[in-house]
């Protein structure tokens, strides 16, 4: 039984570290994309919205990955509902951003 406790603690520690890594990477990608988006906007580049949407989608996918990992260590139904709600919200935002990217790409195509 002591081995199971040790393995459980080890798994929780690894998952918590992975969650933090994914969260930080997601925040970093979103921040860099936002700064690049502002620079591109100030320079008047036509593909600013597309590049910004792609960066935001990538950042949200990292953050969604962290929430999926979080489901490994939840302990009760209330935590599951909260994590499920966050996953649903982030997945919806990701789908909307991919839809925006698709529309921006089709608008950018020469006719």
N, C-alpha and C. Protein backbone atom coordinates (compact mmCIF):
# COMPACT_ATOMS: atom_id res chain seq x y z
N UNK A 1 0.81 -1.20 0.00
CA UNK A 1 0.00 0.00 0.00
C UNK A 1 0.85 1.27 0.00
N UNK A 2 1.99 1.22 0.64
CA UNK A 2 2.86 2.38 0.69
C UNK A 2 3.39 2.72 -0.72
N UNK A 3 3.60 1.70 -1.53
CA UNK A 3 4.08 1.92 -2.90
C UNK A 3 3.02 2.66 -3.71
N UNK A 4 1.74 2.28 -3.54
CA UNK A 4 0.66 2.95 -4.26
C UNK A 4 0.57 4.43 -3.87
N UNK A 5 0.74 4.70 -2.58
CA UNK A 5 0.73 6.09 -2.13
C UNK A 5 1.87 6.89 -2.74
N UNK A 6 3.04 6.27 -2.81
CA UNK A 6 4.21 6.92 -3.42
C UNK A 6 3.98 7.17 -4.90
N UNK A 7 3.43 6.17 -5.59
CA UNK A 7 3.15 6.32 -7.03
C UNK A 7 2.10 7.39 -7.28
N UNK A 8 1.09 7.45 -6.43
CA UNK A 8 0.04 8.46 -6.57
C UNK A 8 0.62 9.86 -6.36
N UNK A 9 1.45 10.01 -5.35
CA UNK A 9 2.09 11.30 -5.08
C UNK A 9 3.00 11.71 -6.24
N UNK A 10 3.74 10.73 -6.77
CA UNK A 10 4.63 11.01 -7.90
C UNK A 10 3.83 11.45 -9.11
N UNK A 11 2.73 10.75 -9.41
CA UNK A 11 1.88 11.12 -10.55
C UNK A 11 1.32 12.52 -10.38
N UNK A 12 0.82 12.83 -9.20
CA UNK A 12 0.27 14.16 -8.94
C UNK A 12 1.32 15.24 -9.13
N UNK A 13 2.52 15.00 -8.66
CA UNK A 13 3.60 15.97 -8.80
C UNK A 13 3.95 16.20 -10.26
N UNK A 14 4.08 15.12 -11.02
CA UNK A 14 4.41 15.24 -12.45
C UNK A 14 3.31 15.98 -13.19
N UNK A 15 2.05 15.64 -12.90
CA UNK A 15 0.93 16.29 -13.57
C UNK A 15 0.87 17.78 -13.21
N UNK A 16 1.08 18.11 -11.96
CA UNK A 16 1.05 19.52 -11.55
C UNK A 16 2.16 20.32 -12.23
N UNK A 17 3.34 19.74 -12.36
CA UNK A 17 4.43 20.42 -13.07
C UNK A 17 4.08 20.59 -14.54
N UNK A 18 3.52 19.55 -15.16
CA UNK A 18 3.13 19.63 -16.57
C UNK A 18 2.04 20.67 -16.78
N UNK A 19 1.08 20.74 -15.85
CA UNK A 19 0.01 21.74 -15.93
C UNK A 19 0.61 23.14 -15.92
N UNK A 20 1.52 23.39 -14.98
CA UNK A 20 2.16 24.70 -14.90
C UNK A 20 2.94 25.03 -16.17
N UNK A 21 3.65 24.04 -16.70
CA UNK A 21 4.41 24.27 -17.93
C UNK A 21 3.47 24.65 -19.08
N UNK A 22 2.38 23.90 -19.26
CA UNK A 22 1.44 24.21 -20.32
C UNK A 22 0.80 25.57 -20.12
N UNK A 23 0.45 25.91 -18.88
CA UNK A 23 -0.14 27.22 -18.60
C UNK A 23 0.83 28.35 -18.95
N UNK A 24 2.09 28.22 -18.50
CA UNK A 24 3.08 29.25 -18.79
C UNK A 24 3.35 29.37 -20.29
N UNK A 25 3.45 28.24 -20.97
CA UNK A 25 3.67 28.28 -22.42
C UNK A 25 2.49 28.96 -23.10
N UNK A 26 1.26 28.61 -22.69
CA UNK A 26 0.07 29.24 -23.28
C UNK A 26 0.05 30.74 -23.06
N UNK A 27 0.34 31.17 -21.85
CA UNK A 27 0.38 32.61 -21.55
C UNK A 27 1.47 33.29 -22.37
N UNK A 28 2.62 32.64 -22.48
CA UNK A 28 3.72 33.20 -23.28
C UNK A 28 3.35 33.35 -24.74
N UNK A 29 2.74 32.32 -25.31
CA UNK A 29 2.34 32.38 -26.72
C UNK A 29 1.31 33.48 -26.94
N UNK A 30 0.33 33.57 -26.05
CA UNK A 30 -0.70 34.61 -26.19
C UNK A 30 -0.09 36.00 -26.05
N UNK A 31 0.82 36.18 -25.10
CA UNK A 31 1.46 37.47 -24.90
C UNK A 31 2.30 37.88 -26.11
N UNK A 32 3.13 36.96 -26.60
CA UNK A 32 3.97 37.26 -27.77
C UNK A 32 3.09 37.55 -28.98
N UNK A 33 2.03 36.78 -29.16
CA UNK A 33 1.12 37.01 -30.29
C UNK A 33 0.44 38.38 -30.19
N UNK A 34 0.07 38.75 -28.97
CA UNK A 34 -0.55 40.06 -28.78
C UNK A 34 0.40 41.21 -29.09
N UNK A 35 1.64 41.09 -28.65
CA UNK A 35 2.64 42.12 -28.94
C UNK A 35 2.92 42.19 -30.44
N UNK A 36 3.08 41.02 -31.08
CA UNK A 36 3.30 41.00 -32.53
C UNK A 36 2.09 41.57 -33.26
N UNK A 37 0.89 41.25 -32.77
CA UNK A 37 -0.33 41.78 -33.38
C UNK A 37 -0.38 43.29 -33.30
N UNK A 38 0.01 43.84 -32.16
CA UNK A 38 0.03 45.30 -32.00
C UNK A 38 1.05 45.93 -32.95
N UNK A 39 2.22 45.34 -33.03
CA UNK A 39 3.26 45.86 -33.93
C UNK A 39 2.78 45.80 -35.38
N UNK A 40 2.21 44.67 -35.78
CA UNK A 40 1.70 44.54 -37.15
C UNK A 40 0.57 45.53 -37.43
N UNK A 41 -0.29 45.77 -36.44
CA UNK A 41 -1.38 46.72 -36.60
C UNK A 41 -0.83 48.14 -36.80
N UNK A 42 0.16 48.49 -35.97
CA UNK A 42 0.75 49.82 -36.09
C UNK A 42 1.48 50.01 -37.42
N UNK A 43 2.02 48.92 -37.98
CA UNK A 43 2.69 48.99 -39.28
C UNK A 43 1.69 48.93 -40.44
N UNK A 44 0.43 48.66 -40.13
CA UNK A 44 -0.61 48.64 -41.15
C UNK A 44 -0.60 47.39 -42.03
N UNK A 45 -0.11 46.30 -41.51
CA UNK A 45 -0.06 45.06 -42.30
C UNK A 45 -1.46 44.46 -42.43
N UNK A 46 -1.74 43.93 -43.60
CA UNK A 46 -3.09 43.43 -43.89
C UNK A 46 -3.39 42.09 -43.23
N UNK A 47 -2.38 41.32 -42.89
CA UNK A 47 -2.63 40.00 -42.32
C UNK A 47 -2.57 39.99 -40.78
N UNK A 48 -2.72 41.13 -40.17
CA UNK A 48 -2.62 41.25 -38.71
C UNK A 48 -3.65 40.38 -38.00
N UNK A 49 -4.90 40.44 -38.44
CA UNK A 49 -5.96 39.67 -37.77
C UNK A 49 -5.71 38.17 -37.87
N UNK A 50 -5.25 37.73 -39.03
CA UNK A 50 -4.98 36.31 -39.23
C UNK A 50 -3.86 35.84 -38.32
N UNK A 51 -2.76 36.58 -38.28
CA UNK A 51 -1.63 36.19 -37.44
C UNK A 51 -1.99 36.22 -35.96
N UNK A 52 -2.75 37.23 -35.56
CA UNK A 52 -3.17 37.32 -34.16
C UNK A 52 -4.09 36.16 -33.79
N UNK A 53 -5.04 35.86 -34.66
CA UNK A 53 -5.96 34.74 -34.38
C UNK A 53 -5.21 33.42 -34.31
N UNK A 54 -4.22 33.22 -35.17
CA UNK A 54 -3.44 31.98 -35.14
C UNK A 54 -2.66 31.87 -33.83
N UNK A 55 -2.07 32.96 -33.39
CA UNK A 55 -1.33 32.95 -32.13
C UNK A 55 -2.22 32.71 -30.93
N UNK A 56 -3.39 33.35 -30.92
CA UNK A 56 -4.33 33.15 -29.81
C UNK A 56 -4.82 31.70 -29.78
N UNK A 57 -5.10 31.14 -30.96
CA UNK A 57 -5.56 29.75 -31.02
C UNK A 57 -4.48 28.81 -30.48
N UNK A 58 -3.25 29.05 -30.85
CA UNK A 58 -2.15 28.19 -30.37
C UNK A 58 -2.02 28.29 -28.85
N UNK A 59 -2.07 29.51 -28.33
CA UNK A 59 -1.98 29.70 -26.88
C UNK A 59 -3.12 29.02 -26.14
N UNK A 60 -4.34 29.14 -26.69
CA UNK A 60 -5.49 28.50 -26.06
C UNK A 60 -5.38 26.98 -26.10
N UNK A 61 -4.78 26.45 -27.14
CA UNK A 61 -4.61 25.00 -27.22
C UNK A 61 -3.66 24.50 -26.12
N UNK A 62 -2.62 25.26 -25.82
CA UNK A 62 -1.75 24.89 -24.71
C UNK A 62 -2.52 24.94 -23.38
N UNK A 63 -3.31 25.99 -23.21
CA UNK A 63 -4.07 26.13 -21.97
C UNK A 63 -5.14 25.05 -21.87
N UNK A 64 -5.72 24.66 -22.99
CA UNK A 64 -6.69 23.56 -23.00
C UNK A 64 -6.00 22.26 -22.61
N UNK A 65 -4.78 22.06 -23.09
CA UNK A 65 -4.00 20.88 -22.70
C UNK A 65 -3.78 20.82 -21.21
N UNK A 66 -3.54 21.97 -20.59
CA UNK A 66 -3.33 21.98 -19.13
C UNK A 66 -4.61 21.59 -18.40
N UNK A 67 -5.76 22.01 -18.92
CA UNK A 67 -7.03 21.65 -18.27
C UNK A 67 -7.31 20.16 -18.44
N UNK A 68 -6.97 19.61 -19.58
CA UNK A 68 -7.16 18.17 -19.77
C UNK A 68 -6.29 17.40 -18.78
N UNK A 69 -5.06 17.84 -18.60
CA UNK A 69 -4.19 17.20 -17.61
C UNK A 69 -4.76 17.35 -16.20
N UNK A 70 -5.39 18.46 -15.94
CA UNK A 70 -5.95 18.71 -14.60
C UNK A 70 -7.02 17.67 -14.24
N UNK A 71 -7.68 17.09 -15.26
CA UNK A 71 -8.71 16.09 -14.98
C UNK A 71 -8.11 14.84 -14.32
N UNK A 72 -6.81 14.64 -14.46
CA UNK A 72 -6.16 13.46 -13.87
C UNK A 72 -6.13 13.55 -12.34
N UNK A 73 -6.06 14.76 -11.80
CA UNK A 73 -5.87 14.90 -10.35
C UNK A 73 -7.08 15.44 -9.61
N UNK A 74 -8.22 15.60 -10.29
CA UNK A 74 -9.41 16.09 -9.57
C UNK A 74 -9.90 15.01 -8.61
N UNK A 75 -10.47 15.45 -7.50
CA UNK A 75 -10.85 14.52 -6.44
C UNK A 75 -12.36 14.40 -6.21
N UNK A 76 -13.13 15.43 -6.56
CA UNK A 76 -14.57 15.35 -6.30
C UNK A 76 -15.37 15.90 -7.47
N UNK A 77 -16.68 15.73 -7.42
CA UNK A 77 -17.56 16.09 -8.53
C UNK A 77 -17.56 17.59 -8.78
N UNK A 78 -17.43 18.39 -7.74
CA UNK A 78 -17.42 19.85 -7.91
C UNK A 78 -16.20 20.28 -8.73
N UNK A 79 -15.04 19.70 -8.45
CA UNK A 79 -13.84 20.01 -9.21
C UNK A 79 -13.99 19.55 -10.66
N UNK A 80 -14.61 18.39 -10.86
CA UNK A 80 -14.82 17.89 -12.22
C UNK A 80 -15.71 18.84 -13.01
N UNK A 81 -16.77 19.34 -12.37
CA UNK A 81 -17.67 20.28 -13.05
C UNK A 81 -16.96 21.58 -13.40
N UNK A 82 -16.15 22.08 -12.51
CA UNK A 82 -15.41 23.32 -12.77
C UNK A 82 -14.42 23.12 -13.92
N UNK A 83 -13.65 22.04 -13.87
CA UNK A 83 -12.68 21.76 -14.93
C UNK A 83 -13.41 21.52 -16.25
N UNK A 84 -14.53 20.80 -16.20
CA UNK A 84 -15.33 20.56 -17.42
C UNK A 84 -15.83 21.86 -18.03
N UNK A 85 -16.28 22.78 -17.18
CA UNK A 85 -16.73 24.08 -17.67
C UNK A 85 -15.61 24.88 -18.31
N UNK A 86 -14.44 24.85 -17.70
CA UNK A 86 -13.28 25.55 -18.25
C UNK A 86 -12.88 24.94 -19.59
N UNK A 87 -12.88 23.60 -19.66
CA UNK A 87 -12.54 22.93 -20.92
C UNK A 87 -13.55 23.30 -22.00
N UNK A 88 -14.83 23.30 -21.67
CA UNK A 88 -15.87 23.67 -22.63
C UNK A 88 -15.69 25.09 -23.14
N UNK A 89 -15.42 26.02 -22.23
CA UNK A 89 -15.21 27.42 -22.60
C UNK A 89 -13.99 27.58 -23.50
N UNK A 90 -12.88 26.97 -23.12
CA UNK A 90 -11.65 27.11 -23.92
C UNK A 90 -11.78 26.41 -25.27
N UNK A 91 -12.47 25.27 -25.30
CA UNK A 91 -12.68 24.57 -26.57
C UNK A 91 -13.55 25.41 -27.49
N UNK A 92 -14.58 26.05 -26.93
CA UNK A 92 -15.45 26.92 -27.73
C UNK A 92 -14.65 28.10 -28.29
N UNK A 93 -13.83 28.72 -27.47
CA UNK A 93 -13.00 29.82 -27.94
C UNK A 93 -12.04 29.38 -29.04
N UNK A 94 -11.47 28.19 -28.89
CA UNK A 94 -10.55 27.66 -29.90
C UNK A 94 -11.29 27.42 -31.21
N UNK A 95 -12.49 26.85 -31.14
CA UNK A 95 -13.28 26.61 -32.36
C UNK A 95 -13.62 27.93 -33.04
N UNK A 96 -14.01 28.92 -32.26
CA UNK A 96 -14.33 30.23 -32.84
C UNK A 96 -13.10 30.88 -33.49
N UNK A 97 -11.96 30.73 -32.85
CA UNK A 97 -10.73 31.29 -33.44
C UNK A 97 -10.36 30.57 -34.73
N UNK A 98 -10.53 29.25 -34.77
CA UNK A 98 -10.23 28.51 -36.00
C UNK A 98 -11.20 28.90 -37.11
N UNK A 99 -12.46 29.17 -36.75
CA UNK A 99 -13.44 29.65 -37.73
C UNK A 99 -13.02 31.01 -38.26
N UNK A 100 -12.57 31.89 -37.37
CA UNK A 100 -12.08 33.22 -37.77
C UNK A 100 -10.87 33.09 -38.69
N UNK A 101 -9.95 32.19 -38.36
CA UNK A 101 -8.76 31.98 -39.19
C UNK A 101 -9.17 31.51 -40.58
N UNK A 102 -10.11 30.57 -40.64
CA UNK A 102 -10.59 30.06 -41.93
C UNK A 102 -11.19 31.19 -42.76
N UNK A 103 -12.00 32.03 -42.13
CA UNK A 103 -12.62 33.15 -42.85
C UNK A 103 -11.58 34.17 -43.30
N UNK A 104 -10.61 34.46 -42.44
CA UNK A 104 -9.57 35.41 -42.81
C UNK A 104 -8.74 34.89 -43.98
N UNK A 105 -8.43 33.59 -43.98
CA UNK A 105 -7.67 33.01 -45.07
C UNK A 105 -8.45 33.05 -46.37
N UNK A 106 -9.76 32.78 -46.30
CA UNK A 106 -10.56 32.80 -47.53
C UNK A 106 -10.73 34.23 -48.05
N UNK A 107 -10.80 35.20 -47.14
CA UNK A 107 -10.88 36.61 -47.56
C UNK A 107 -9.58 37.10 -48.16
N UNK A 108 -8.46 36.52 -47.73
CA UNK A 108 -7.14 36.95 -48.20
C UNK A 108 -6.80 36.37 -49.57
N UNK A 109 -7.50 35.32 -49.99
CA UNK A 109 -7.21 34.71 -51.28
C UNK A 109 -7.58 35.66 -52.41
N UNK A 110 -6.70 35.78 -53.40
CA UNK A 110 -7.02 36.64 -54.56
C UNK A 110 -8.12 36.00 -55.40
N UNK A 111 -9.00 36.85 -55.90
CA UNK A 111 -10.11 36.33 -56.70
C UNK A 111 -9.83 36.36 -58.16
